[in-house]
Amino acid sequence: MSHKCVKALIKGMVQGVGFRFHTAHQGLKLGLSGYAKNLPDGTVEVLACGEEEQVDALMVWLEDGPKTSRVDALVVEDVEWRHIDGFEIM
């Protein structure tokens, strides 16, 4: 079982539409830890850590996001593993 952390930047209509809440809910459902936070430029940053398969599943989900949002771009990078408790909305 391999663990990984990724940081994703999501561009589009992703602020003010419940994106962070839905992302945190989806992350917890997949057993991941991390956070979702709004950035000043209108994008959302998501850090997701957990089993590789589950992290990948969240990245696939983020390509479309919740029904209330519109995702124009998703940029994903691997980051150093770190342990985080829960999935925070920041």
Protein backbone atom coordinates (compact mmCIF):
# COMPACT_ATOMS: atom_id res chain seq x y z
CA MET A 1 0.00 0.00 0.00
CA SER A 2 1.64 3.18 -1.16
CA HIS A 3 0.93 6.61 0.27
CA LYS A 4 1.27 9.95 -1.43
CA CYS A 5 0.42 13.63 -1.12
CA VAL A 6 -0.53 15.86 -3.99
CA LYS A 7 -1.30 19.54 -4.24
CA ALA A 8 -3.87 20.57 -6.82
CA LEU A 9 -4.78 24.02 -8.11
CA ILE A 10 -8.27 24.26 -9.53
CA LYS A 11 -9.22 27.15 -11.83
CA GLY A 12 -12.70 28.09 -12.96
CA MET A 13 -15.89 29.01 -11.15
CA VAL A 14 -14.74 27.41 -7.92
CA GLN A 15 -15.23 30.06 -5.22
CA GLY A 16 -18.58 30.87 -3.64
CA VAL A 17 -20.16 27.65 -4.96
CA GLY A 18 -19.47 25.21 -2.09
CA PHE A 19 -16.40 23.78 -3.82
CA ARG A 20 -14.25 23.49 -0.68
CA PHE A 21 -17.07 21.92 1.35
CA HIS A 22 -17.79 19.30 -1.32
CA THR A 23 -14.08 18.60 -1.82
CA ALA A 24 -13.55 18.05 1.91
CA HIS A 25 -16.61 15.77 2.02
CA GLN A 26 -15.31 13.76 -0.96
CA GLY A 27 -11.81 13.59 0.56
CA LEU A 28 -13.15 12.26 3.87
CA LYS A 29 -15.33 9.75 2.03
CA LEU A 30 -12.17 8.44 0.36
CA GLY A 31 -10.30 8.28 3.69
CA LEU A 32 -7.92 11.11 2.80
CA SER A 33 -6.53 13.95 4.86
CA GLY A 34 -5.63 17.44 3.72
CA TYR A 35 -7.31 20.73 3.08
CA ALA A 36 -9.15 22.85 0.53
CA LYS A 37 -8.61 26.60 0.60
CA ASN A 38 -9.49 29.62 -1.50
CA LEU A 39 -6.58 31.59 -2.93
CA PRO A 40 -6.68 35.35 -3.58
CA ASP A 41 -6.52 34.85 -7.37
CA GLY A 42 -9.88 33.02 -7.43
CA THR A 43 -8.47 29.50 -7.57
CA VAL A 44 -8.82 26.74 -4.97
CA GLU A 45 -5.81 24.85 -3.60
CA VAL A 46 -6.33 21.28 -2.45
CA LEU A 47 -3.82 19.16 -0.56
CA ALA A 48 -4.73 15.48 -0.42
CA CYS A 49 -2.74 12.79 1.38
CA GLY A 50 -3.49 9.10 1.67
CA GLU A 51 -3.41 5.85 -0.27
CA GLU A 52 -2.35 6.42 -3.85
CA GLU A 53 -5.52 4.92 -5.33
CA GLN A 54 -7.77 7.15 -3.18
CA VAL A 55 -5.73 10.30 -3.93
CA ASP A 56 -5.99 9.52 -7.65
CA ALA A 57 -9.77 9.03 -7.27
CA LEU A 58 -10.09 12.50 -5.71
CA MET A 59 -8.07 14.02 -8.56
CA VAL A 60 -10.46 12.43 -11.08
CA TRP A 61 -13.41 13.85 -9.09
CA LEU A 62 -11.77 17.30 -9.06
CA GLU A 63 -11.67 17.36 -12.88
CA ASP A 64 -15.42 18.10 -12.76
CA GLY A 65 -15.92 19.07 -9.11
CA PRO A 66 -19.39 19.50 -7.60
CA LYS A 67 -22.36 20.26 -9.87
CA THR A 68 -22.44 23.86 -8.62
CA SER A 69 -18.97 24.63 -9.98
CA ARG A 70 -17.18 24.84 -13.31
CA VAL A 71 -13.60 23.52 -13.52
CA ASP A 72 -11.54 25.05 -16.33
CA ALA A 73 -8.12 23.72 -15.32
CA LEU A 74 -6.63 21.30 -12.83
CA VAL A 75 -2.88 21.41 -12.15
CA VAL A 76 -1.55 18.61 -9.94
CA GLU A 77 1.90 18.18 -8.42
CA ASP A 78 3.31 15.56 -6.07
CA VAL A 79 4.50 16.98 -2.76
CA GLU A 80 6.38 15.54 0.19
CA TRP A 81 4.35 13.15 2.37
CA ARG A 82 3.04 14.68 5.57
CA HIS A 83 0.54 13.52 8.14
CA ILE A 84 -2.49 15.74 8.55
CA ASP A 85 -5.49 15.07 10.76
CA GLY A 86 -8.80 15.26 8.95
CA PHE A 87 -9.71 17.29 5.90
CA GLU A 88 -9.91 21.01 6.65
CA ILE A 89 -11.73 23.79 4.89
CA MET A 90 -9.54 26.86 5.06
